[in-house]
All heavy atoms as atom14 arrays in JSON, in Angstrom:
{
  "sequence": "LSPEQVYNADETGLFWRCLPSPSLEGGAVPG",
  "atom14_mask": [
    [1, 1, 1, 1, 1, 1, 1, 1, 0, 0, 0, 0, 0, 0],
    [1, 1, 1, 1, 1, 1, 0, 0, 0, 0, 0, 0, 0, 0],
    [1, 1, 1, 1, 1, 1, 1, 0, 0, 0, 0, 0, 0, 0],
    [1, 1, 1, 1, 1, 1, 1, 1, 1, 0, 0, 0, 0, 0],
    [1, 1, 1, 1, 1, 1, 1, 1, 1, 0, 0, 0, 0, 0],
    [1, 1, 1, 1, 1, 1, 1, 0, 0, 0, 0, 0, 0, 0],
    [1, 1, 1, 1, 1, 1, 1, 1, 1, 1, 1, 1, 0, 0],
    [1, 1, 1, 1, 1, 1, 1, 1, 0, 0, 0, 0, 0, 0],
    [1, 1, 1, 1, 1, 0, 0, 0, 0, 0, 0, 0, 0, 0],
    [1, 1, 1, 1, 1, 1, 1, 1, 0, 0, 0, 0, 0, 0],
    [1, 1, 1, 1, 1, 1, 1, 1, 1, 0, 0, 0, 0, 0],
    [1, 1, 1, 1, 1, 1, 1, 0, 0, 0, 0, 0, 0, 0],
    [1, 1, 1, 1, 0, 0, 0, 0, 0, 0, 0, 0, 0, 0],
    [1, 1, 1, 1, 1, 1, 1, 1, 0, 0, 0, 0, 0, 0],
    [1, 1, 1, 1, 1, 1, 1, 1, 1, 1, 1, 0, 0, 0],
    [1, 1, 1, 1, 1, 1, 1, 1, 1, 1, 1, 1, 1, 1],
    [1, 1, 1, 1, 1, 1, 1, 1, 1, 1, 1, 0, 0, 0],
    [1, 1, 1, 1, 1, 1, 0, 0, 0, 0, 0, 0, 0, 0],
    [1, 1, 1, 1, 1, 1, 1, 1, 0, 0, 0, 0, 0, 0],
    [1, 1, 1, 1, 1, 1, 1, 0, 0, 0, 0, 0, 0, 0],
    [1, 1, 1, 1, 1, 1, 0, 0, 0, 0, 0, 0, 0, 0],
    [1, 1, 1, 1, 1, 1, 1, 0, 0, 0, 0, 0, 0, 0],
    [1, 1, 1, 1, 1, 1, 0, 0, 0, 0, 0, 0, 0, 0],
    [1, 1, 1, 1, 1, 1, 1, 1, 0, 0, 0, 0, 0, 0],
    [1, 1, 1, 1, 1, 1, 1, 1, 1, 0, 0, 0, 0, 0],
    [1, 1, 1, 1, 0, 0, 0, 0, 0, 0, 0, 0, 0, 0],
    [1, 1, 1, 1, 0, 0, 0, 0, 0, 0, 0, 0, 0, 0],
    [1, 1, 1, 1, 1, 0, 0, 0, 0, 0, 0, 0, 0, 0],
    [1, 1, 1, 1, 1, 1, 1, 0, 0, 0, 0, 0, 0, 0],
    [1, 1, 1, 1, 1, 1, 1, 0, 0, 0, 0, 0, 0, 0],
    [1, 1, 1, 1, 0, 0, 0, 0, 0, 0, 0, 0, 0, 0]
  ],
  "atom14_positions": [
    [[57.34, 36.9, 134.34], [56.95, 36.22, 133.1], [55.64, 36.77, 132.55], [54.67, 36.95, 133.29], [56.8, 34.72, 133.35], [58.08, 33.97, 133.76], [57.75, 32.55, 134.15], [59.08, 33.98, 132.63], [0.0, 0.0, 0.0], [0.0, 0.0, 0.0], [0.0, 0.0, 0.0], [0.0, 0.0, 0.0], [0.0, 0.0, 0.0], [0.0, 0.0, 0.0]],
    [[55.61, 36.99, 131.26], [54.39, 37.37, 130.57], [53.76, 36.11, 129.99], [54.41, 35.06, 129.9], [54.69, 38.36, 129.45], [55.41, 37.7, 128.41], [0.0, 0.0, 0.0], [0.0, 0.0, 0.0], [0.0, 0.0, 0.0], [0.0, 0.0, 0.0], [0.0, 0.0, 0.0], [0.0, 0.0, 0.0], [0.0, 0.0, 0.0], [0.0, 0.0, 0.0]],
    [[52.48, 36.16, 129.55], [51.87, 34.98, 128.91], [52.67, 34.47, 127.71], [52.59, 33.29, 127.37], [50.48, 35.49, 128.5], [50.18, 36.56, 129.49], [51.5, 37.23, 129.75], [0.0, 0.0, 0.0], [0.0, 0.0, 0.0], [0.0, 0.0, 0.0], [0.0, 0.0, 0.0], [0.0, 0.0, 0.0], [0.0, 0.0, 0.0], [0.0, 0.0, 0.0]],
    [[53.43, 35.35, 127.07], [54.27, 34.96, 125.93], [55.29, 33.92, 126.34], [55.76, 33.12, 125.51], [54.98, 36.2, 125.37], [55.61, 36.02, 124.01], [54.6, 36.1, 122.89], [53.53, 36.68, 123.09], [54.9, 35.57, 121.8], [0.0, 0.0, 0.0], [0.0, 0.0, 0.0], [0.0, 0.0, 0.0], [0.0, 0.0, 0.0], [0.0, 0.0, 0.0]],
    [[55.65, 33.89, 127.63], [56.74, 33.03, 128.11], [56.24, 31.8, 128.86], [57.04, 31.07, 129.44], [57.65, 33.85, 129.02], [58.33, 35.03, 128.33], [58.89, 36.02, 129.32], [58.22, 36.94, 129.77], [60.16, 35.84, 129.67], [0.0, 0.0, 0.0], [0.0, 0.0, 0.0], [0.0, 0.0, 0.0], [0.0, 0.0, 0.0], [0.0, 0.0, 0.0]],
    [[54.94, 31.57, 128.85], [54.36, 30.43, 129.56], [53.79, 29.45, 128.53], [52.96, 29.82, 127.7], [53.25, 30.87, 130.53], [52.61, 29.65, 131.21], [53.82, 31.83, 131.58], [0.0, 0.0, 0.0], [0.0, 0.0, 0.0], [0.0, 0.0, 0.0], [0.0, 0.0, 0.0], [0.0, 0.0, 0.0], [0.0, 0.0, 0.0], [0.0, 0.0, 0.0]],
    [[54.25, 28.2, 128.58], [53.87, 27.17, 127.62], [53.17, 26.0, 128.3], [53.35, 25.76, 129.5], [55.11, 26.64, 126.88], [55.74, 27.62, 125.92], [56.55, 28.66, 126.39], [55.55, 27.52, 124.55], [57.14, 29.57, 125.51], [56.14, 28.41, 123.66], [56.93, 29.43, 124.15], [57.51, 30.32, 123.28], [0.0, 0.0, 0.0], [0.0, 0.0, 0.0]],
    [[52.4, 25.28, 127.52], [51.82, 24.02, 127.99], [51.92, 23.0, 126.86], [51.79, 23.34, 125.69], [50.35, 24.22, 128.38], [49.66, 22.92, 128.81], [48.56, 22.61, 128.38], [50.3, 22.16, 129.69], [0.0, 0.0, 0.0], [0.0, 0.0, 0.0], [0.0, 0.0, 0.0], [0.0, 0.0, 0.0], [0.0, 0.0, 0.0], [0.0, 0.0, 0.0]],
    [[52.18, 21.75, 127.23], [52.27, 20.65, 126.26], [51.49, 19.46, 126.79], [51.45, 19.22, 128.0], [53.72, 20.26, 126.01], [0.0, 0.0, 0.0], [0.0, 0.0, 0.0], [0.0, 0.0, 0.0], [0.0, 0.0, 0.0], [0.0, 0.0, 0.0], [0.0, 0.0, 0.0], [0.0, 0.0, 0.0], [0.0, 0.0, 0.0], [0.0, 0.0, 0.0]],
    [[50.89, 18.7, 125.88], [50.19, 17.49, 126.27], [50.0, 16.6, 125.05], [50.04, 17.08, 123.91], [48.83, 17.82, 126.9], [48.25, 16.62, 127.64], [49.02, 15.75, 128.08], [47.01, 16.55, 127.79], [0.0, 0.0, 0.0], [0.0, 0.0, 0.0], [0.0, 0.0, 0.0], [0.0, 0.0, 0.0], [0.0, 0.0, 0.0], [0.0, 0.0, 0.0]],
    [[49.79, 15.31, 125.31], [49.6, 14.34, 124.24], [48.12, 14.01, 124.04], [47.31, 14.16, 124.95], [50.33, 13.02, 124.55], [51.81, 13.17, 124.78], [52.18, 13.27, 126.25], [51.34, 13.82, 127.02], [53.25, 12.81, 126.64], [0.0, 0.0, 0.0], [0.0, 0.0, 0.0], [0.0, 0.0, 0.0], [0.0, 0.0, 0.0], [0.0, 0.0, 0.0]],
    [[47.82, 13.51, 122.86], [46.52, 12.91, 122.59], [46.72, 11.74, 121.65], [47.62, 11.75, 120.81], [45.54, 13.94, 121.97], [44.23, 13.37, 121.89], [45.98, 14.38, 120.59], [0.0, 0.0, 0.0], [0.0, 0.0, 0.0], [0.0, 0.0, 0.0], [0.0, 0.0, 0.0], [0.0, 0.0, 0.0], [0.0, 0.0, 0.0], [0.0, 0.0, 0.0]],
    [[45.92, 10.7, 121.82], [46.0, 9.55, 120.93], [45.19, 9.81, 119.67], [44.11, 10.41, 119.72], [0.0, 0.0, 0.0], [0.0, 0.0, 0.0], [0.0, 0.0, 0.0], [0.0, 0.0, 0.0], [0.0, 0.0, 0.0], [0.0, 0.0, 0.0], [0.0, 0.0, 0.0], [0.0, 0.0, 0.0], [0.0, 0.0, 0.0], [0.0, 0.0, 0.0]],
    [[45.71, 9.37, 118.55], [45.04, 9.57, 117.27], [44.91, 8.23, 116.56], [45.9, 7.67, 116.07], [45.83, 10.56, 116.4], [45.26, 10.82, 115.01], [43.86, 11.43, 115.09], [46.17, 11.74, 114.22], [0.0, 0.0, 0.0], [0.0, 0.0, 0.0], [0.0, 0.0, 0.0], [0.0, 0.0, 0.0], [0.0, 0.0, 0.0], [0.0, 0.0, 0.0]],
    [[43.68, 7.68, 116.54], [43.41, 6.47, 115.78], [43.11, 6.9, 114.35], [41.97, 7.15, 113.98], [42.24, 5.71, 116.41], [42.57, 5.12, 117.75], [42.44, 5.88, 118.9], [43.04, 3.82, 117.85], [42.76, 5.35, 120.14], [43.36, 3.28, 119.1], [43.23, 4.05, 120.24], [0.0, 0.0, 0.0], [0.0, 0.0, 0.0], [0.0, 0.0, 0.0]],
    [[44.17, 6.98, 113.56], [44.1, 7.7, 112.29], [43.32, 6.98, 111.2], [42.99, 7.6, 110.18], [45.51, 8.02, 111.8], [46.45, 6.85, 111.68], [47.19, 6.28, 112.66], [46.74, 6.11, 110.49], [47.94, 5.24, 112.17], [47.69, 5.13, 110.84], [46.31, 6.21, 109.16], [48.2, 4.23, 109.92], [46.82, 5.32, 108.24], [47.76, 4.34, 108.62]],
    [[43.0, 5.71, 111.38], [42.15, 5.01, 110.41], [40.76, 4.72, 110.96], [39.96, 4.05, 110.32], [42.8, 3.69, 110.0], [43.87, 3.83, 108.93], [44.39, 2.48, 108.53], [45.31, 2.58, 107.41], [46.05, 1.56, 106.97], [45.95, 0.38, 107.54], [46.87, 1.72, 105.95], [0.0, 0.0, 0.0], [0.0, 0.0, 0.0], [0.0, 0.0, 0.0]],
    [[40.47, 5.21, 112.15], [39.2, 4.93, 112.79], [38.24, 6.07, 112.53], [38.49, 7.21, 112.94], [39.41, 4.74, 114.3], [37.93, 4.23, 115.18], [0.0, 0.0, 0.0], [0.0, 0.0, 0.0], [0.0, 0.0, 0.0], [0.0, 0.0, 0.0], [0.0, 0.0, 0.0], [0.0, 0.0, 0.0], [0.0, 0.0, 0.0], [0.0, 0.0, 0.0]],
    [[37.15, 5.8, 111.84], [36.17, 6.83, 111.54], [35.38, 7.2, 112.78], [35.29, 6.43, 113.74], [35.22, 6.34, 110.44], [35.88, 6.04, 109.09], [34.86, 5.49, 108.12], [36.55, 7.28, 108.53], [0.0, 0.0, 0.0], [0.0, 0.0, 0.0], [0.0, 0.0, 0.0], [0.0, 0.0, 0.0], [0.0, 0.0, 0.0], [0.0, 0.0, 0.0]],
    [[34.79, 8.4, 112.82], [34.07, 8.86, 114.01], [32.92, 7.92, 114.38], [32.36, 7.23, 113.53], [33.53, 10.24, 113.6], [34.42, 10.68, 112.48], [34.82, 9.43, 111.77], [0.0, 0.0, 0.0], [0.0, 0.0, 0.0], [0.0, 0.0, 0.0], [0.0, 0.0, 0.0], [0.0, 0.0, 0.0], [0.0, 0.0, 0.0], [0.0, 0.0, 0.0]],
    [[32.57, 7.95, 115.68], [31.44, 7.17, 116.15], [30.15, 7.79, 115.62], [30.15, 8.92, 115.14], [31.43, 7.16, 117.68], [31.13, 8.46, 118.17], [0.0, 0.0, 0.0], [0.0, 0.0, 0.0], [0.0, 0.0, 0.0], [0.0, 0.0, 0.0], [0.0, 0.0, 0.0], [0.0, 0.0, 0.0], [0.0, 0.0, 0.0], [0.0, 0.0, 0.0]],
    [[29.02, 7.09, 115.73], [27.76, 7.64, 115.21], [27.37, 8.98, 115.8], [26.56, 9.69, 115.22], [26.74, 6.56, 115.59], [27.53, 5.29, 115.63], [28.88, 5.71, 116.18], [0.0, 0.0, 0.0], [0.0, 0.0, 0.0], [0.0, 0.0, 0.0], [0.0, 0.0, 0.0], [0.0, 0.0, 0.0], [0.0, 0.0, 0.0], [0.0, 0.0, 0.0]],
    [[27.95, 9.35, 116.93], [27.6, 10.63, 117.55], [28.4, 11.79, 116.97], [28.17, 12.94, 117.31], [27.85, 10.56, 119.07], [29.22, 10.32, 119.33], [0.0, 0.0, 0.0], [0.0, 0.0, 0.0], [0.0, 0.0, 0.0], [0.0, 0.0, 0.0], [0.0, 0.0, 0.0], [0.0, 0.0, 0.0], [0.0, 0.0, 0.0], [0.0, 0.0, 0.0]],
    [[29.37, 11.49, 116.08], [30.23, 12.53, 115.53], [30.15, 12.55, 114.01], [30.18, 11.5, 113.35], [31.7, 12.31, 115.94], [32.02, 12.47, 117.42], [33.48, 12.05, 117.64], [31.82, 13.89, 117.88], [0.0, 0.0, 0.0], [0.0, 0.0, 0.0], [0.0, 0.0, 0.0], [0.0, 0.0, 0.0], [0.0, 0.0, 0.0], [0.0, 0.0, 0.0]],
    [[30.06, 13.75, 113.47], [30.19, 13.96, 112.03], [29.3, 13.05, 111.2], [29.67, 12.58, 110.13], [31.66, 13.77, 111.6], [32.64, 14.66, 112.33], [32.39, 16.13, 112.03], [32.03, 16.45, 110.88], [32.57, 16.95, 112.94], [0.0, 0.0, 0.0], [0.0, 0.0, 0.0], [0.0, 0.0, 0.0], [0.0, 0.0, 0.0], [0.0, 0.0, 0.0]],
    [[28.09, 12.73, 111.69], [27.13, 11.98, 110.88], [27.27, 10.48, 110.93], [26.55, 9.77, 110.24], [0.0, 0.0, 0.0], [0.0, 0.0, 0.0], [0.0, 0.0, 0.0], [0.0, 0.0, 0.0], [0.0, 0.0, 0.0], [0.0, 0.0, 0.0], [0.0, 0.0, 0.0], [0.0, 0.0, 0.0], [0.0, 0.0, 0.0], [0.0, 0.0, 0.0]],
    [[28.2, 9.95, 111.73], [28.28, 8.51, 111.91], [29.33, 7.84, 111.05], [29.85, 8.39, 110.1], [0.0, 0.0, 0.0], [0.0, 0.0, 0.0], [0.0, 0.0, 0.0], [0.0, 0.0, 0.0], [0.0, 0.0, 0.0], [0.0, 0.0, 0.0], [0.0, 0.0, 0.0], [0.0, 0.0, 0.0], [0.0, 0.0, 0.0], [0.0, 0.0, 0.0]],
    [[29.65, 6.61, 111.44], [30.65, 5.83, 110.72], [30.08, 5.34, 109.38], [28.88, 5.27, 109.18], [31.09, 4.64, 111.57], [0.0, 0.0, 0.0], [0.0, 0.0, 0.0], [0.0, 0.0, 0.0], [0.0, 0.0, 0.0], [0.0, 0.0, 0.0], [0.0, 0.0, 0.0], [0.0, 0.0, 0.0], [0.0, 0.0, 0.0], [0.0, 0.0, 0.0]],
    [[30.98, 5.02, 108.49], [30.58, 4.57, 107.16], [30.22, 3.08, 107.23], [31.03, 2.28, 107.68], [31.71, 4.8, 106.14], [31.3, 4.31, 104.76], [32.07, 6.27, 106.1], [0.0, 0.0, 0.0], [0.0, 0.0, 0.0], [0.0, 0.0, 0.0], [0.0, 0.0, 0.0], [0.0, 0.0, 0.0], [0.0, 0.0, 0.0], [0.0, 0.0, 0.0]],
    [[29.02, 2.69, 106.78], [28.63, 1.26, 106.83], [29.6, 0.4, 106.03], [30.06, 0.78, 104.96], [27.23, 1.26, 106.19], [26.74, 2.67, 106.34], [27.96, 3.54, 106.24], [0.0, 0.0, 0.0], [0.0, 0.0, 0.0], [0.0, 0.0, 0.0], [0.0, 0.0, 0.0], [0.0, 0.0, 0.0], [0.0, 0.0, 0.0], [0.0, 0.0, 0.0]],
    [[29.89, -0.78, 106.58], [30.72, -1.73, 105.87], [32.21, -1.51, 105.99], [32.98, -2.28, 105.43], [0.0, 0.0, 0.0], [0.0, 0.0, 0.0], [0.0, 0.0, 0.0], [0.0, 0.0, 0.0], [0.0, 0.0, 0.0], [0.0, 0.0, 0.0], [0.0, 0.0, 0.0], [0.0, 0.0, 0.0], [0.0, 0.0, 0.0], [0.0, 0.0, 0.0]]
  ]
}
């Protein structure tokens, strides 16, 4: 097998309406 034939899959949770915490991207929006 070459690297072309080796795959990896995994899940991640996405809180799609949750703005970043204050430590990310300048902080959450007040209010």
